[in-house]
Amino acid sequence: MDQANPFETPKTFSLHRAEYLVGFAVTTGLLIAHLGDIRWIPAVALFLYIDLIGYIPGAIAFKRSGGKPISKVYYVLYNVMHSLITQAVVAALWCWLIGPEWALLVLPFHLFGDRGLFGNFMKSFALPFEPVRQSGYLRLLDDLGVAHPKPAGHAQDPEPVGHIAEPPRPAARAREEALR
């Protein structure tokens, strides 16, 4: 779900990220091989627009909230902009309207880099916008007998609570109490 709470074991999370590192390496190689063929202004714009729309507004809202829940709109913006499907549609429209070009390589380069290098995957409404270790994930690792990975994150982590606006249902609350 995020690098602090992948809800995978640390080893499988590393393997998951490694798959994206292969894509990142391929796109990096292609970018290097075609350095002279890339129109850099469109390439930089294509690289940046993903985060200008999909990440920066949510990161600002999260920082301003002091760790409290933020609007789900920020999660949707992040997930739509960081989707391989969305960026494939953008690339297809670009090819149709402008024509194919090497600058489009920055789209998968950005997404593969986010996932492979940084461990950033889609954001869940149930977790804070920025990675904050969740006690449920740490209990899962304890139950599996797996060591906790190093903390990801912030100088001061906010209280590790989910970001679902409505309180847990009584049955879910009873199950949580039984686990404690």
Protein backbone atom coordinates (compact mmCIF):
# COMPACT_ATOMS: atom_id res chain seq x y z
CA MET A 1 0.00 0.00 0.00
CA ASP A 2 2.94 2.33 0.72
CA GLN A 3 6.59 1.92 1.63
CA ALA A 4 5.84 2.04 5.37
CA ASN A 5 2.95 -0.45 5.16
CA PRO A 6 3.24 -2.57 2.02
CA PHE A 7 1.10 -5.36 3.49
CA GLU A 8 3.59 -7.68 1.91
CA THR A 9 6.60 -9.12 3.65
CA PRO A 10 9.65 -6.91 3.27
CA LYS A 11 11.19 -9.50 0.90
CA THR A 12 8.16 -9.73 -1.43
CA PHE A 13 7.87 -5.94 -1.39
CA SER A 14 11.52 -5.74 -2.49
CA LEU A 15 10.84 -8.24 -5.28
CA HIS A 16 7.75 -6.26 -6.36
CA ARG A 17 9.85 -3.10 -6.52
CA ALA A 18 12.60 -4.95 -8.42
CA GLU A 19 10.17 -5.65 -11.27
CA TYR A 20 9.66 -1.91 -11.70
CA LEU A 21 13.40 -1.32 -11.44
CA VAL A 22 13.80 -3.44 -14.58
CA GLY A 23 11.36 -1.15 -16.42
CA PHE A 24 13.18 1.86 -14.99
CA ALA A 25 16.52 0.49 -16.25
CA VAL A 26 15.09 -0.16 -19.74
CA THR A 27 13.56 3.32 -20.02
CA THR A 28 16.77 4.87 -18.67
CA GLY A 29 18.78 2.99 -21.30
CA LEU A 30 16.44 4.12 -24.06
CA LEU A 31 16.57 7.73 -22.84
CA ILE A 32 20.38 7.63 -22.86
CA ALA A 33 20.47 5.95 -26.29
CA HIS A 34 18.22 8.66 -27.74
CA LEU A 35 19.46 11.74 -25.82
CA GLY A 36 19.93 13.71 -29.04
CA ASP A 37 16.47 12.77 -30.34
CA ILE A 38 14.51 13.96 -27.31
CA ARG A 39 12.69 17.30 -27.32
CA TRP A 40 13.56 18.30 -23.77
CA ILE A 41 10.90 20.94 -23.07
CA PRO A 42 8.02 18.50 -23.73
CA ALA A 43 9.95 15.76 -21.90
CA VAL A 44 10.39 17.88 -18.77
CA ALA A 45 6.75 19.02 -18.93
CA LEU A 46 5.52 15.43 -19.30
CA PHE A 47 7.71 14.30 -16.41
CA LEU A 48 6.61 17.10 -14.06
CA TYR A 49 2.90 17.29 -14.80
CA ILE A 50 2.30 13.90 -13.15
CA ASP A 51 3.44 15.20 -9.75
CA LEU A 52 2.18 18.76 -10.23
CA ILE A 53 -1.35 17.39 -10.51
CA GLY A 54 -1.11 14.06 -8.72
CA TYR A 55 1.26 14.44 -5.80
CA ILE A 56 2.14 18.00 -4.77
CA PRO A 57 -1.43 19.15 -3.91
CA GLY A 58 -1.95 16.12 -1.66
CA ALA A 59 1.46 16.46 -0.04
CA ILE A 60 0.73 20.11 0.78
CA ALA A 61 -2.72 19.24 2.15
CA PHE A 62 -1.24 16.42 4.25
CA LYS A 63 1.47 18.66 5.69
CA ARG A 64 -1.08 21.39 6.50
CA SER A 65 -3.46 18.88 8.11
CA GLY A 66 -0.98 17.92 10.81
CA GLY A 67 -1.61 14.24 10.13
CA LYS A 68 -5.40 14.45 10.17
CA PRO A 69 -7.43 12.99 7.30
CA ILE A 70 -7.41 14.94 4.03
CA SER A 71 -9.90 14.89 1.18
CA LYS A 72 -10.11 11.68 -0.85
CA VAL A 73 -9.82 13.88 -3.94
CA TYR A 74 -6.05 14.01 -3.35
CA TYR A 75 -5.84 10.21 -3.31
CA VAL A 76 -7.85 9.96 -6.53
CA LEU A 77 -5.66 12.58 -8.21
CA TYR A 78 -2.54 10.71 -7.15
CA ASN A 79 -3.83 7.31 -8.29
CA VAL A 80 -5.13 8.58 -11.63
CA MET A 81 -1.96 10.50 -12.45
CA HIS A 82 0.34 7.67 -11.32
CA SER A 83 -1.51 5.02 -13.29
CA LEU A 84 0.22 3.25 -16.16
CA ILE A 85 -3.22 3.14 -17.82
CA THR A 86 -3.69 6.92 -17.61
CA GLN A 87 -0.20 7.60 -18.91
CA ALA A 88 -0.67 5.08 -21.75
CA VAL A 89 -3.79 7.04 -22.77
CA VAL A 90 -1.81 10.31 -22.56
CA ALA A 91 0.94 8.80 -24.73
CA ALA A 92 -1.59 7.45 -27.24
CA LEU A 93 -3.33 10.83 -27.49
CA TRP A 94 0.05 12.56 -27.85
CA CYS A 95 1.02 10.17 -30.67
CA TRP A 96 -2.31 10.76 -32.41
CA LEU A 97 -2.37 14.55 -32.01
CA ILE A 98 1.34 15.45 -32.11
CA GLY A 99 3.08 12.31 -33.26
CA PRO A 100 5.25 9.68 -31.59
CA GLU A 101 8.47 10.92 -30.07
CA TRP A 102 11.18 9.89 -27.64
CA ALA A 103 10.07 12.48 -25.05
CA LEU A 104 7.19 10.14 -24.19
CA LEU A 105 9.68 7.78 -22.53
CA VAL A 106 9.65 10.04 -19.47
CA LEU A 107 6.12 8.82 -18.64
CA PRO A 108 7.09 5.21 -17.85
CA PHE A 109 10.49 6.45 -16.56
CA HIS A 110 8.63 8.54 -13.93
CA LEU A 111 6.22 5.78 -12.89
CA PHE A 112 8.80 2.98 -12.87
CA GLY A 113 11.14 5.21 -10.87
CA ASP A 114 8.45 6.05 -8.32
CA ARG A 115 7.63 2.38 -7.80
CA GLY A 116 11.04 0.81 -8.17
CA LEU A 117 13.29 3.41 -6.53
CA PHE A 118 10.93 4.88 -3.94
CA GLY A 119 8.32 2.15 -3.35
CA ASN A 120 5.44 4.49 -4.16
CA PHE A 121 2.39 2.55 -5.32
CA MET A 122 -1.29 3.50 -5.43
CA LYS A 123 -2.64 5.26 -2.35
CA SER A 124 -5.38 3.71 -0.22
CA PHE A 125 -8.12 5.82 1.39
CA ALA A 126 -7.49 3.77 4.55
CA LEU A 127 -3.96 5.14 5.07
CA PRO A 128 -2.53 8.63 5.48
CA PHE A 129 -1.50 10.32 2.21
CA GLU A 130 2.18 10.14 3.19
CA PRO A 131 3.67 6.91 4.57
CA VAL A 132 3.15 6.52 8.32
CA ARG A 133 3.80 3.16 9.98
CA GLN A 134 0.57 1.48 10.99
CA SER A 135 0.33 -0.73 14.06
CA GLY A 136 -1.78 -3.25 12.10
CA TYR A 137 1.01 -3.79 9.59
CA LEU A 138 3.58 -4.16 12.36
CA ARG A 139 1.31 -6.73 14.10
CA LEU A 140 1.03 -8.62 10.79
CA LEU A 141 4.83 -8.82 10.58
CA ASP A 142 4.98 -9.96 14.21
CA ASP A 143 2.39 -12.68 13.50
CA LEU A 144 4.45 -13.84 10.50
CA GLY A 145 7.66 -13.79 12.56
CA VAL A 146 9.24 -11.24 10.21
CA ALA A 147 11.50 -8.43 11.44
CA HIS A 148 10.17 -4.89 11.10
CA PRO A 149 11.77 -2.88 8.28
CA LYS A 150 13.37 0.44 9.05
CA PRO A 151 10.86 3.30 9.41
CA ALA A 152 10.05 5.27 6.29
CA GLY A 153 9.41 8.74 6.48
CA HIS A 154 9.08 11.92 8.21
CA ALA A 155 11.04 13.73 10.89
CA GLN A 156 7.88 13.52 13.01
CA ASP A 157 5.36 10.87 12.08
CA PRO A 158 1.76 11.83 12.75
CA GLU A 159 -0.41 9.51 14.79
CA PRO A 160 -0.68 6.26 12.78
CA VAL A 161 -4.40 6.22 12.06
CA GLY A 162 -6.33 5.35 8.94
CA HIS A 163 -7.83 8.13 6.92
CA ILE A 164 -11.35 6.85 6.51
CA ALA A 165 -13.76 9.56 7.67
CA GLU A 166 -16.37 7.27 9.20
CA PRO A 167 -15.61 5.38 12.46
CA PRO A 168 -15.13 1.58 12.34
CA ARG A 169 -18.25 -0.55 12.40
CA PRO A 170 -18.99 -2.23 15.79
CA ALA A 171 -18.06 -5.71 14.49
CA ALA A 172 -14.73 -4.42 13.17
CA ARG A 173 -14.09 -2.64 16.47
CA ALA A 174 -14.82 -5.90 18.40
CA ARG A 175 -12.39 -7.85 16.18
CA GLU A 176 -9.71 -5.20 16.79
CA GLU A 177 -10.20 -5.43 20.55
CA ALA A 178 -10.00 -9.24 20.41
CA LEU A 179 -6.65 -8.98 18.62
CA ARG A 180 -5.17 -6.83 21.38
